[in-house]
């Protein structure tokens, strides 16, 4: 087995330890696994600015490598990585002095699932655009962030709590109010709108 192949069988956390030891191939494997994931994350949060998303991905790589010696292998790499990514995005917002640029992708996907009952029998394109507008313009920054991490990135509540530095209860509360606001705003898309249930915030087993 080639030396580089040994990294294929390591966990992300083990690869971070190897990265901290200066093993470039270890970080290359991390990038192969997760580079596209984080590029999509930046792309969506930066109003689909592909060039800037690529820039932030490079910044993210630099921070991961430079911070590797301080990485705690007891924590999940993805939680740690999203925390770095989220901080980079917030810094970008501050530097641009721009509001409301967090966006939901217009591709059918996870963001539609929590309000699936509102979608039956309607123009899905119009619905997606309405959701996007509501999320961009009418959700607070804190609510947009947890909404994206939960329903686009499909992260568990525990990881989201670690990323945004709050309790799981606070994450659930923010999700509940975000979903409730979306449900009320988009009620016209369903002839018999139902209230958002707290069951949507329950982890899927």
Protein backbone atom coordinates (compact mmCIF):
# COMPACT_ATOMS: atom_id res chain seq x y z
CA UNK A 1 0.00 0.00 0.00
CA UNK A 2 1.28 3.44 -0.90
CA UNK A 3 1.84 5.78 2.00
CA UNK A 4 -0.79 8.21 0.67
CA UNK A 5 -3.35 5.43 0.59
CA UNK A 6 -3.18 5.02 4.34
CA UNK A 7 -4.96 8.35 4.73
CA UNK A 8 -7.99 7.03 2.86
CA UNK A 9 -8.90 4.85 5.83
CA UNK A 10 -8.44 7.51 8.52
CA UNK A 11 -11.25 9.44 10.16
CA UNK A 12 -11.42 13.19 9.66
CA UNK A 13 -10.20 13.67 13.20
CA UNK A 14 -7.19 11.41 12.62
CA UNK A 15 -6.40 13.32 9.46
CA UNK A 16 -6.40 16.55 11.44
CA UNK A 17 -3.83 15.12 13.81
CA UNK A 18 -1.69 14.17 10.83
CA UNK A 19 -2.18 17.65 9.37
CA UNK A 20 -0.98 19.13 12.66
CA UNK A 21 2.13 16.98 12.29
CA UNK A 22 2.81 18.58 8.92
CA UNK A 23 1.55 15.78 6.66
CA UNK A 24 0.36 17.56 3.52
CA UNK A 25 -1.25 14.41 2.15
CA UNK A 26 -3.51 14.24 5.19
CA UNK A 27 -4.94 17.68 4.54
CA UNK A 28 -5.23 16.83 0.84
CA UNK A 29 -7.50 13.94 1.81
CA UNK A 30 -9.59 16.22 4.03
CA UNK A 31 -9.95 18.65 1.15
CA UNK A 32 -10.94 15.85 -1.22
CA UNK A 33 -13.68 14.77 1.17
CA UNK A 34 -15.08 18.15 2.15
CA UNK A 35 -13.83 20.88 -0.19
CA UNK A 36 -16.94 20.85 -2.37
CA UNK A 37 -19.21 20.85 0.69
CA UNK A 38 -17.66 24.02 2.06
CA UNK A 39 -17.51 25.68 -1.35
CA UNK A 40 -21.29 25.18 -1.69
CA UNK A 41 -21.74 26.55 1.83
CA UNK A 42 -19.84 29.75 1.01
CA UNK A 43 -21.55 30.06 -2.38
CA UNK A 44 -25.03 30.01 -0.86
CA UNK A 45 -24.18 32.40 1.96
CA UNK A 46 -22.40 34.90 -0.30
CA UNK A 47 -25.35 35.47 -2.59
CA UNK A 48 -23.97 33.03 -5.18
CA UNK A 49 -20.77 34.95 -5.67
CA UNK A 50 -18.64 32.11 -7.02
CA UNK A 51 -15.38 34.07 -7.11
CA UNK A 52 -15.70 35.21 -3.50
CA UNK A 53 -16.80 31.74 -2.44
CA UNK A 54 -13.58 30.36 -3.90
CA UNK A 55 -11.62 33.04 -2.03
CA UNK A 56 -13.22 32.13 1.27
CA UNK A 57 -12.61 28.45 0.63
CA UNK A 58 -8.91 29.22 0.29
CA UNK A 59 -9.03 31.27 3.50
CA UNK A 60 -10.79 28.35 5.18
CA UNK A 61 -8.04 25.95 4.08
CA UNK A 62 -5.36 28.24 5.44
CA UNK A 63 -7.12 28.56 8.79
CA UNK A 64 -7.67 24.82 9.07
CA UNK A 65 -4.00 24.09 8.45
CA UNK A 66 -2.77 26.88 10.72
CA UNK A 67 -5.17 25.89 13.51
CA UNK A 68 -4.51 22.16 13.22
CA UNK A 69 -2.08 22.07 16.18
CA UNK A 70 -4.90 23.37 18.40
CA UNK A 71 -7.53 20.94 17.12
CA UNK A 72 -9.11 18.75 19.80
CA UNK A 73 -9.47 15.26 18.36
CA UNK A 74 -12.36 14.60 20.75
CA UNK A 75 -14.60 16.94 18.76
CA UNK A 76 -16.04 16.39 15.31
CA UNK A 77 -14.04 17.85 12.47
CA UNK A 78 -17.13 19.01 10.58
CA UNK A 79 -18.49 20.91 13.57
CA UNK A 80 -15.11 22.58 14.01
CA UNK A 81 -14.84 23.24 10.28
CA UNK A 82 -18.28 24.83 10.05
CA UNK A 83 -17.43 27.07 12.99
CA UNK A 84 -14.42 28.39 11.08
CA UNK A 85 -16.50 28.75 7.91
CA UNK A 86 -19.26 30.61 9.74
CA UNK A 87 -16.78 33.05 11.25
CA UNK A 88 -15.31 33.74 7.81
CA UNK A 89 -18.75 34.50 6.42
CA UNK A 90 -19.59 36.82 9.30
CA UNK A 91 -16.31 38.65 8.77
CA UNK A 92 -17.21 38.99 5.11
CA UNK A 93 -20.60 40.47 6.01
CA UNK A 94 -18.98 42.99 8.31
CA UNK A 95 -16.38 43.98 5.72
CA UNK A 96 -19.03 44.49 3.04
CA UNK A 97 -21.52 46.16 5.38
CA UNK A 98 -24.21 44.24 3.54
CA UNK A 99 -27.42 42.96 5.05
CA UNK A 100 -29.66 40.10 4.05
CA UNK A 101 -27.32 38.21 1.75
CA UNK A 102 -27.84 34.79 3.27
CA UNK A 103 -29.79 32.79 0.74
CA UNK A 104 -31.45 29.49 0.23
CA UNK A 105 -30.53 27.63 -2.93
CA UNK A 106 -33.25 27.35 -5.55
CA UNK A 107 -32.45 23.70 -6.11
CA UNK A 108 -35.01 21.22 -4.79
CA UNK A 109 -33.51 19.85 -1.61
CA UNK A 110 -33.45 19.69 2.12
CA UNK A 111 -34.72 23.20 2.75
CA UNK A 112 -38.11 22.23 1.35
CA UNK A 113 -38.61 19.23 3.59
CA UNK A 114 -39.68 20.92 6.85
CA UNK A 115 -42.57 22.64 5.10
CA UNK A 116 -43.39 19.90 2.66
CA UNK A 117 -47.08 20.03 3.50
CA UNK A 118 -47.24 23.53 2.04
CA UNK A 119 -45.96 22.38 -1.36
CA UNK A 120 -48.56 19.87 -2.50
CA UNK A 121 -50.32 20.89 -5.69
CA UNK A 122 -48.66 24.30 -6.11
CA UNK A 123 -46.25 25.89 -8.53
CA UNK A 124 -42.98 24.68 -7.01
CA UNK A 125 -40.90 27.31 -8.75
CA UNK A 126 -43.04 30.10 -7.34
CA UNK A 127 -42.91 28.44 -3.94
CA UNK A 128 -39.10 28.19 -3.97
CA UNK A 129 -38.81 31.84 -4.92
CA UNK A 130 -41.21 32.84 -2.15
CA UNK A 131 -39.24 30.83 0.41
CA UNK A 132 -35.98 32.35 -0.79
CA UNK A 133 -37.37 35.88 -0.51
CA UNK A 134 -38.74 35.26 2.97
CA UNK A 135 -35.50 33.74 4.24
CA UNK A 136 -33.40 36.53 2.74
CA UNK A 137 -35.54 39.45 3.80
CA UNK A 138 -37.67 38.50 6.77
CA UNK A 139 -35.69 36.10 8.95
CA UNK A 140 -33.20 37.45 11.43
CA UNK A 141 -29.55 36.58 10.92
CA UNK A 142 -29.62 34.14 13.84
CA UNK A 143 -32.72 32.39 12.48
CA UNK A 144 -31.32 32.20 8.93
CA UNK A 145 -28.10 30.64 10.20
CA UNK A 146 -29.71 27.79 12.10
CA UNK A 147 -32.27 27.24 9.32
CA UNK A 148 -29.49 26.77 6.78
CA UNK A 149 -27.37 24.52 8.96
CA UNK A 150 -30.32 22.31 9.84
CA UNK A 151 -32.26 22.02 6.60
CA UNK A 152 -29.57 22.57 3.96
CA UNK A 153 -26.47 21.20 5.60
CA UNK A 154 -28.51 18.53 7.43
CA UNK A 155 -26.53 18.91 10.65
CA UNK A 156 -27.83 17.54 13.95
CA UNK A 157 -28.97 19.98 16.60
CA UNK A 158 -26.01 19.19 18.85
CA UNK A 159 -23.54 20.18 16.14
CA UNK A 160 -25.45 23.34 15.28
CA UNK A 161 -25.40 24.34 18.94
CA UNK A 162 -21.61 23.96 18.99
CA UNK A 163 -21.22 25.94 15.76
CA UNK A 164 -23.33 28.92 16.83
CA UNK A 165 -22.17 28.68 20.47
CA UNK A 166 -25.52 28.28 22.17
CA UNK A 167 -27.59 25.54 23.80
CA UNK A 168 -29.58 22.95 21.86
CA UNK A 169 -32.69 24.45 23.42
CA UNK A 170 -31.85 27.82 21.90
CA UNK A 171 -31.26 26.19 18.51
CA UNK A 172 -34.68 24.50 18.73
CA UNK A 173 -36.29 27.79 19.70
CA UNK A 174 -34.71 29.64 16.78
CA UNK A 175 -35.73 26.90 14.36
CA UNK A 176 -39.27 26.87 15.69
CA UNK A 177 -39.74 30.61 15.25
CA UNK A 178 -38.06 30.58 11.83
CA UNK A 179 -40.34 27.78 10.62
CA UNK A 180 -43.39 29.39 12.19
CA UNK A 181 -42.67 32.69 10.45
CA UNK A 182 -42.14 30.95 7.11
CA UNK A 183 -45.31 28.93 7.57
CA UNK A 184 -47.40 32.04 8.20
CA UNK A 185 -45.77 34.01 5.39
CA UNK A 186 -46.30 31.20 2.88
CA UNK A 187 -49.77 30.16 4.00
CA UNK A 188 -51.23 31.39 0.70
CA UNK A 189 -49.56 28.47 -1.06
CA UNK A 190 -51.78 26.00 0.74
CA UNK A 191 -55.57 26.11 0.87
CA UNK A 192 -55.63 24.72 4.42
CA UNK A 193 -52.36 25.74 6.04
CA UNK A 194 -51.35 23.85 9.13
CA UNK A 195 -49.34 25.31 12.00
CA UNK A 196 -45.71 24.31 12.21
CA UNK A 197 -45.27 21.45 14.62
CA UNK A 198 -42.44 21.15 17.09
CA UNK A 199 -42.09 17.56 15.81
CA UNK A 200 -40.11 19.00 12.91
CA UNK A 201 -37.33 19.87 15.33
CA UNK A 202 -37.01 16.29 16.55
CA UNK A 203 -33.88 14.44 15.48
CA UNK A 204 -34.52 11.70 12.94
CA UNK A 205 -33.33 8.32 14.14
